[in-house]
Each structure stands twice: as C-alpha cells, then as structure tokens.
C-alpha atoms as a PDB file:
ATOM      1  CA  UNK A   1      -2.164 -42.108 -32.196  1.00  0.00           C
ATOM      2  CA  UNK A   2      -2.753 -38.397 -32.570  1.00  0.00           C
ATOM      3  CA  UNK A   3      -6.097 -38.697 -30.787  1.00  0.00           C
ATOM      4  CA  UNK A   4      -4.479 -40.494 -27.851  1.00  0.00           C
ATOM      5  CA  UNK A   5      -1.813 -37.800 -27.546  1.00  0.00           C
ATOM      6  CA  UNK A   6      -4.468 -35.074 -27.735  1.00  0.00           C
ATOM      7  CA  UNK A   7      -6.590 -36.861 -25.111  1.00  0.00           C
ATOM      8  CA  UNK A   8      -3.583 -37.326 -22.824  1.00  0.00           C
ATOM      9  CA  UNK A   9      -2.534 -33.656 -23.109  1.00  0.00           C
ATOM     10  CA  UNK A  10      -6.106 -32.440 -22.583  1.00  0.00           C
ATOM     11  CA  UNK A  11      -6.539 -34.585 -19.459  1.00  0.00           C
ATOM     12  CA  UNK A  12      -3.213 -33.272 -18.131  1.00  0.00           C
ATOM     13  CA  UNK A  13      -4.401 -29.684 -18.622  1.00  0.00           C
ATOM     14  CA  UNK A  14      -7.693 -30.436 -16.867  1.00  0.00           C
ATOM     15  CA  UNK A  15      -5.832 -32.084 -13.987  1.00  0.00           C
ATOM     16  CA  UNK A  16      -3.468 -29.131 -13.722  1.00  0.00           C
ATOM     17  CA  UNK A  17      -6.418 -26.743 -13.679  1.00  0.00           C
ATOM     18  CA  UNK A  18      -8.188 -28.765 -10.978  1.00  0.00           C
ATOM     19  CA  UNK A  19      -5.040 -28.850  -8.841  1.00  0.00           C
ATOM     20  CA  UNK A  20      -4.642 -25.085  -9.207  1.00  0.00           C
ATOM     21  CA  UNK A  21      -8.148 -24.650  -7.777  1.00  0.00           C
ATOM     22  CA  UNK A  22      -7.244 -26.650  -4.669  1.00  0.00           C
ATOM     23  CA  UNK A  23      -4.952 -25.571  -1.853  1.00  0.00           C
ATOM     24  CA  UNK A  24      -1.896 -26.888  -3.677  1.00  0.00           C
ATOM     25  CA  UNK A  25       1.111 -24.705  -2.884  1.00  0.00           C
ATOM     26  CA  UNK A  26       3.603 -24.027  -5.624  1.00  0.00           C
ATOM     27  CA  UNK A  27       7.173 -22.913  -5.026  1.00  0.00           C
ATOM     28  CA  UNK A  28       6.410 -19.761  -7.023  1.00  0.00           C
ATOM     29  CA  UNK A  29       3.509 -18.793  -4.782  1.00  0.00           C
ATOM     30  CA  UNK A  30       5.691 -19.145  -1.691  1.00  0.00           C
ATOM     31  CA  UNK A  31       7.775 -16.189  -2.794  1.00  0.00           C
ATOM     32  CA  UNK A  32       5.122 -14.044  -4.449  1.00  0.00           C
ATOM     33  CA  UNK A  33       4.506 -10.637  -2.914  1.00  0.00           C
ATOM     34  CA  UNK A  34       8.035 -10.522  -1.536  1.00  0.00           C
ATOM     35  CA  UNK A  35      10.997  -8.480  -2.646  1.00  0.00           C
ATOM     36  CA  UNK A  36      12.541 -10.541  -5.457  1.00  0.00           C
ATOM     37  CA  UNK A  37      16.081  -9.315  -4.740  1.00  0.00           C
ATOM     38  CA  UNK A  38      15.792 -10.377  -1.095  1.00  0.00           C
ATOM     39  CA  UNK A  39      14.074 -13.679  -1.897  1.00  0.00           C
ATOM     40  CA  UNK A  40      16.796 -14.547  -4.433  1.00  0.00           C
ATOM     41  CA  UNK A  41      19.389 -14.399  -1.643  1.00  0.00           C
ATOM     42  CA  UNK A  42      17.527 -16.806   0.621  1.00  0.00           C
ATOM     43  CA  UNK A  43      17.062 -20.582   0.263  1.00  0.00           C
ATOM     44  CA  UNK A  44      13.279 -20.406   0.711  1.00  0.00           C
ATOM     45  CA  UNK A  45      12.672 -23.254  -1.741  1.00  0.00           C
ATOM     46  CA  UNK A  46      14.863 -25.537   0.414  1.00  0.00           C
ATOM     47  CA  UNK A  47      12.645 -25.025   3.475  1.00  0.00           C
ATOM     48  CA  UNK A  48       9.510 -26.916   4.450  1.00  0.00           C
ATOM     49  CA  UNK A  49       6.630 -25.629   2.287  1.00  0.00           C
ATOM     50  CA  UNK A  50       4.090 -25.688   5.120  1.00  0.00           C
ATOM     51  CA  UNK A  51       6.361 -23.706   7.451  1.00  0.00           C
ATOM     52  CA  UNK A  52       7.117 -21.202   4.696  1.00  0.00           C
ATOM     53  CA  UNK A  53       3.425 -20.801   3.953  1.00  0.00           C
ATOM     54  CA  UNK A  54       2.596 -20.238   7.631  1.00  0.00           C
ATOM     55  CA  UNK A  55       5.459 -17.749   8.006  1.00  0.00           C
ATOM     56  CA  UNK A  56       4.294 -15.923   4.893  1.00  0.00           C
ATOM     57  CA  UNK A  57       0.848 -15.446   6.475  1.00  0.00           C
ATOM     58  CA  UNK A  58       2.486 -13.874   9.520  1.00  0.00           C
ATOM     59  CA  UNK A  59       4.771 -11.756   7.323  1.00  0.00           C
ATOM     60  CA  UNK A  60       1.749  -9.609   6.523  1.00  0.00           C
ATOM     61  CA  UNK A  61       1.222  -9.012  10.238  1.00  0.00           C
ATOM     62  CA  UNK A  62       4.927  -8.243  10.632  1.00  0.00           C
ATOM     63  CA  UNK A  63       4.683  -5.567   7.939  1.00  0.00           C
ATOM     64  CA  UNK A  64       1.798  -3.842   9.758  1.00  0.00           C
ATOM     65  CA  UNK A  65       3.442  -3.968  13.178  1.00  0.00           C
ATOM     66  CA  UNK A  66       6.899  -2.921  11.961  1.00  0.00           C
ATOM     67  CA  UNK A  67       5.466   0.002   9.984  1.00  0.00           C
ATOM     68  CA  UNK A  68       3.355   1.033  12.981  1.00  0.00           C
ATOM     69  CA  UNK A  69       6.319   0.842  15.369  1.00  0.00           C
ATOM     70  CA  UNK A  70       8.409   3.011  13.073  1.00  0.00           C
ATOM     71  CA  UNK A  71       5.489   5.428  12.666  1.00  0.00           C
ATOM     72  CA  UNK A  72       5.369   5.859  16.445  1.00  0.00           C
ATOM     73  CA  UNK A  73       9.158   6.284  16.618  1.00  0.00           C
ATOM     74  CA  UNK A  74       8.976   9.025  13.978  1.00  0.00           C
ATOM     75  CA  UNK A  75       6.055  10.673  15.776  1.00  0.00           C
ATOM     76  CA  UNK A  76       7.951  10.751  19.084  1.00  0.00           C
ATOM     77  CA  UNK A  77      11.162  11.950  17.464  1.00  0.00           C
ATOM     78  CA  UNK A  78       9.575  14.691  15.353  1.00  0.00           C
ATOM     79  CA  UNK A  79       7.365  15.942  18.165  1.00  0.00           C
ATOM     80  CA  UNK A  80      10.204  16.172  20.691  1.00  0.00           C
ATOM     81  CA  UNK A  81      12.604  17.672  18.177  1.00  0.00           C
ATOM     82  CA  UNK A  82      10.002  20.298  17.279  1.00  0.00           C
ATOM     83  CA  UNK A  83       9.198  21.280  20.867  1.00  0.00           C
ATOM     84  CA  UNK A  84      12.234  20.392  22.995  1.00  0.00           C
ATOM     85  CA  UNK A  85      14.932  20.880  20.365  1.00  0.00           C
ATOM     86  CA  UNK A  86      17.953  19.006  19.045  1.00  0.00           C
ATOM     87  CA  UNK A  87      19.000  17.864  22.547  1.00  0.00           C
ATOM     88  CA  UNK A  88      15.656  16.132  23.186  1.00  0.00           C
ATOM     89  CA  UNK A  89      17.210  12.672  23.602  1.00  0.00           C
ATOM     90  CA  UNK A  90      19.194  13.802  26.656  1.00  0.00           C
ATOM     91  CA  UNK A  91      16.650  16.162  28.153  1.00  0.00           C
ATOM     92  CA  UNK A  92      13.347  14.381  27.464  1.00  0.00           C
ATOM     93  CA  UNK A  93      14.103  10.633  27.637  1.00  0.00           C
ATOM     94  CA  UNK A  94      14.356   8.951  31.055  1.00  0.00           C
ATOM     95  CA  UNK A  95      17.914   7.977  31.971  1.00  0.00           C
ATOM     96  CA  UNK A  96      17.120   4.260  32.293  1.00  0.00           C
ATOM     97  CA  UNK A  97      15.766   4.142  28.730  1.00  0.00           C
ATOM     98  CA  UNK A  98      18.665   6.231  27.384  1.00  0.00           C
ATOM     99  CA  UNK A  99      21.281   4.051  29.069  1.00  0.00           C
ATOM    100  CA  UNK A 100      19.749   0.788  27.824  1.00  0.00           C
ATOM    101  CA  UNK A 101      19.436   2.122  24.249  1.00  0.00           C
ATOM    102  CA  UNK A 102      22.922   3.623  24.189  1.00  0.00           C
ATOM    103  CA  UNK A 103      24.385   0.364  25.527  1.00  0.00           C
ATOM    104  CA  UNK A 104      22.668  -1.593  22.745  1.00  0.00           C
ATOM    105  CA  UNK A 105      23.856   0.924  20.181  1.00  0.00           C
ATOM    106  CA  UNK A 106      27.471   0.609  21.414  1.00  0.00           C
ATOM    107  CA  UNK A 107      27.286  -3.200  21.413  1.00  0.00           C
ATOM    108  CA  UNK A 108      26.003  -3.268  17.845  1.00  0.00           C
ATOM    109  CA  UNK A 109      28.695  -0.807  16.743  1.00  0.00           C
ATOM    110  CA  UNK A 110      31.325  -3.385  17.752  1.00  0.00           C
ATOM    111  CA  UNK A 111      29.934  -5.805  15.173  1.00  0.00           C
ATOM    112  CA  UNK A 112      30.932  -3.818  12.103  1.00  0.00           C
ATOM    113  CA  UNK A 113      30.173  -6.607   9.626  1.00  0.00           C
ATOM    114  CA  UNK A 114      26.436  -6.419  10.400  1.00  0.00           C
ATOM    115  CA  UNK A 115      24.039  -3.649   9.418  1.00  0.00           C
ATOM    116  CA  UNK A 116      22.996  -1.632  12.483  1.00  0.00           C
ATOM    117  CA  UNK A 117      19.316  -1.174  13.276  1.00  0.00           C
ATOM    118  CA  UNK A 118      19.589   2.576  12.885  1.00  0.00           C
ATOM    119  CA  UNK A 119      21.554   5.778  13.336  1.00  0.00           C
ATOM    120  CA  UNK A 120      19.563   7.188  16.234  1.00  0.00           C
ATOM    121  CA  UNK A 121      19.406   5.949  19.842  1.00  0.00           C
ATOM    122  CA  UNK A 122      15.588   5.907  19.598  1.00  0.00           C
ATOM    123  CA  UNK A 123      15.931   2.967  17.177  1.00  0.00           C
ATOM    124  CA  UNK A 124      17.493   0.974  20.012  1.00  0.00           C
ATOM    125  CA  UNK A 125      14.665   1.455  22.499  1.00  0.00           C
ATOM    126  CA  UNK A 126      12.145  -1.241  23.214  1.00  0.00           C
ATOM    127  CA  UNK A 127       8.676  -0.858  21.762  1.00  0.00           C
ATOM    128  CA  UNK A 128       7.168  -0.305  25.220  1.00  0.00           C
ATOM    129  CA  UNK A 129       9.718   2.443  25.929  1.00  0.00           C
ATOM    130  CA  UNK A 130       7.929   4.654  23.408  1.00  0.00           C
ATOM    131  CA  UNK A 131       4.848   4.862  25.645  1.00  0.00           C
ATOM    132  CA  UNK A 132       7.091   5.717  28.607  1.00  0.00           C
ATOM    133  CA  UNK A 133       8.841   8.469  26.674  1.00  0.00           C
ATOM    134  CA  UNK A 134       5.465   9.964  25.680  1.00  0.00           C
ATOM    135  CA  UNK A 135       4.174   9.725  29.262  1.00  0.00           C
ATOM    136  CA  UNK A 136       7.346  11.391  30.558  1.00  0.00           C
ATOM    137  CA  UNK A 137       6.683  14.289  28.167  1.00  0.00           C
ATOM    138  CA  UNK A 138       2.913  14.208  28.258  1.00  0.00           C
ATOM    139  CA  UNK A 139       2.523  17.965  27.863  1.00  0.00           C
ATOM    140  CA  UNK A 140       4.031  17.622  24.364  1.00  0.00           C
ATOM    141  CA  UNK A 141       1.733  14.766  23.325  1.00  0.00           C
ATOM    142  CA  UNK A 142      -1.592  15.378  25.065  1.00  0.00           C
ATOM    143  CA  UNK A 143      -3.013  17.360  22.141  1.00  0.00           C
ATOM    144  CA  UNK A 144      -2.534  14.346  19.882  1.00  0.00           C
ATOM    145  CA  UNK A 145      -3.270  11.379  22.137  1.00  0.00           C
ATOM    146  CA  UNK A 146      -6.494  10.604  23.953  1.00  0.00           C
ATOM    147  CA  UNK A 147      -4.877   9.828  27.313  1.00  0.00           C
ATOM    148  CA  UNK A 148      -1.836   8.175  28.806  1.00  0.00           C
ATOM    149  CA  UNK A 149      -3.906   5.091  29.620  1.00  0.00           C
ATOM    150  CA  UNK A 150      -5.189   4.878  26.038  1.00  0.00           C
ATOM    151  CA  UNK A 151      -1.636   5.231  24.702  1.00  0.00           C
ATOM    152  CA  UNK A 152      -0.297   2.523  27.021  1.00  0.00           C
ATOM    153  CA  UNK A 153      -3.190   0.226  26.117  1.00  0.00           C
ATOM    154  CA  UNK A 154      -2.563   0.577  22.363  1.00  0.00           C
ATOM    155  CA  UNK A 155       1.166   0.009  22.819  1.00  0.00           C
ATOM    156  CA  UNK A 156       0.667  -2.909  25.239  1.00  0.00           C
ATOM    157  CA  UNK A 157      -1.812  -4.630  22.926  1.00  0.00           C
ATOM    158  CA  UNK A 158       0.518  -4.320  19.955  1.00  0.00           C
ATOM    159  CA  UNK A 159       3.652  -5.208  21.916  1.00  0.00           C
ATOM    160  CA  UNK A 160       2.176  -8.555  22.990  1.00  0.00           C
ATOM    161  CA  UNK A 161       1.446  -9.522  19.363  1.00  0.00           C
ATOM    162  CA  UNK A 162       4.704  -7.962  18.166  1.00  0.00           C
ATOM    163  CA  UNK A 163       6.691 -10.219  20.466  1.00  0.00           C
ATOM    164  CA  UNK A 164       4.924 -13.325  19.140  1.00  0.00           C
ATOM    165  CA  UNK A 165       5.632 -12.336  15.522  1.00  0.00           C
ATOM    166  CA  UNK A 166       9.233 -11.245  16.163  1.00  0.00           C
ATOM    167  CA  UNK A 167       9.964 -14.637  17.746  1.00  0.00           C
ATOM    168  CA  UNK A 168       8.585 -16.631  14.800  1.00  0.00           C
ATOM    169  CA  UNK A 169       5.234 -17.354  16.401  1.00  0.00           C
ATOM    170  CA  UNK A 170       1.814 -17.401  14.792  1.00  0.00           C
ATOM    171  CA  UNK A 171      -1.207 -15.323  15.727  1.00  0.00           C
ATOM    172  CA  UNK A 172      -4.852 -16.262  15.426  1.00  0.00           C
ATOM    173  CA  UNK A 173      -7.211 -14.189  13.299  1.00  0.00           C
ATOM    174  CA  UNK A 174      -8.742 -12.663  16.442  1.00  0.00           C
ATOM    175  CA  UNK A 175      -5.292 -11.341  17.386  1.00  0.00           C
ATOM    176  CA  UNK A 176      -4.785 -10.012  13.859  1.00  0.00           C
ATOM    177  CA  UNK A 177      -8.143  -8.215  14.044  1.00  0.00           C
ATOM    178  CA  UNK A 178      -7.137  -6.701  17.399  1.00  0.00           C
ATOM    179  CA  UNK A 179      -3.894  -5.414  15.842  1.00  0.00           C
ATOM    180  CA  UNK A 180      -5.844  -3.900  12.961  1.00  0.00           C
ATOM    181  CA  UNK A 181      -8.266  -2.174  15.320  1.00  0.00           C
ATOM    182  CA  UNK A 182      -5.465  -0.754  17.482  1.00  0.00           C
ATOM    183  CA  UNK A 183      -3.536   0.589  14.483  1.00  0.00           C
ATOM    184  CA  UNK A 184      -6.685   2.079  12.920  1.00  0.00           C
ATOM    185  CA  UNK A 185      -7.585   3.737  16.244  1.00  0.00           C
ATOM    186  CA  UNK A 186      -4.084   5.248  16.477  1.00  0.00           C
ATOM    187  CA  UNK A 187      -4.232   6.541  12.911  1.00  0.00           C
ATOM    188  CA  UNK A 188      -7.680   8.096  13.457  1.00  0.00           C
ATOM    189  CA  UNK A 189      -6.455   9.750  16.641  1.00  0.00           C
ATOM    190  CA  UNK A 190      -2.912  10.779  15.711  1.00  0.00           C
ATOM    191  CA  UNK A 191      -2.694  10.458  11.952  1.00  0.00           C
ATOM    192  CA  UNK A 192      -0.345   8.285   9.958  1.00  0.00           C
END
C-alpha cells in the first residue's frame, strides 16, 4: 500500500514537472511581472487565458512606447521652458494644437470622478503633435535632433505601432524590432 502511494505521488510529480516544461499557462504566470496592487483590483483570472497571454506580450511593447512618448513630452517641455520661458505653451505651440489639447483638458475636467491624464496641456496633445511642436520651434531643437525629417520619421514609425497597441491590437516581432530600433536611435541621438 505504501509503495503504491509513493509510486502514485512520484508519477504525479513527474507529470507536473513535464507539464511545467511545456507551454502550459498557469493563472499565476498570467499576472507575473505586473504590479500586484493593480492586478489584485482586476478580474484577470476570469478572462480568457489565451487573450490574457497575448495581451501580456503586448504589454511589454506598451511599456516601451508609453515611456518613450513621455520621454519626448518631457524633452519638449523642458527644452521650451528653458529657452522660451514659462509662457512657452502659448508662444511656442501652434494654435490648432493648443486649442485641441485645451479642449480635451476641459472635457476631462468635467468628469471629476476619473483621474485626468495630466496637469499640463502637453499631456493632452496627440503623439504626432510632438513632432509638429518641435518643427515649429526647430531652432530650439536642431542641436539635439538630426533633422526634421528624421524626427518625423521616428515619431511616425512609433505612432503607427502605438495606435495598434493602444487599441488592443497585436504587433508582429518585426514591428517590435522596428520600435526598438527607433527608440534606440532616439536615445543615441538625444539621450534618455
């Protein structure tokens, strides 16, 4: 009897080990590498495992693009504040971009129960607007950026992938590599 129990338990451990070496997805692995406090507030375990797994793959891309976008926003803001001064938003940003951002900011302010996307109007601009703001103030950026065309190309490349990710789409590895190259090129040129 003891031998049968030992044999059964040993086979179960071997089976478990073999399954762990396959592509078996556990509920624990679906939430690893995520903020535990955030994950605890979401019903991730109630969602389709395959969809969660695929979204988790793209979450890594989201992190890179979101951090890059905010890096560019900070770069634009700091550079214009340093050179143009505290009134840079009104004097250095094209009216069309300002109006659209300020309208979004006012609309979000009406929904007080939801966290706003930021305190500054620049947080309400579209990703592509950042290239336009830099081009409009090229004399303040030309020492840091290769050219206006290069800047637009980097931003355009990333914006296309950004829009796929932000709308719950999936990118191929070739697209991910392109994102990585664009971000690395920016960092080598401008700095982090």
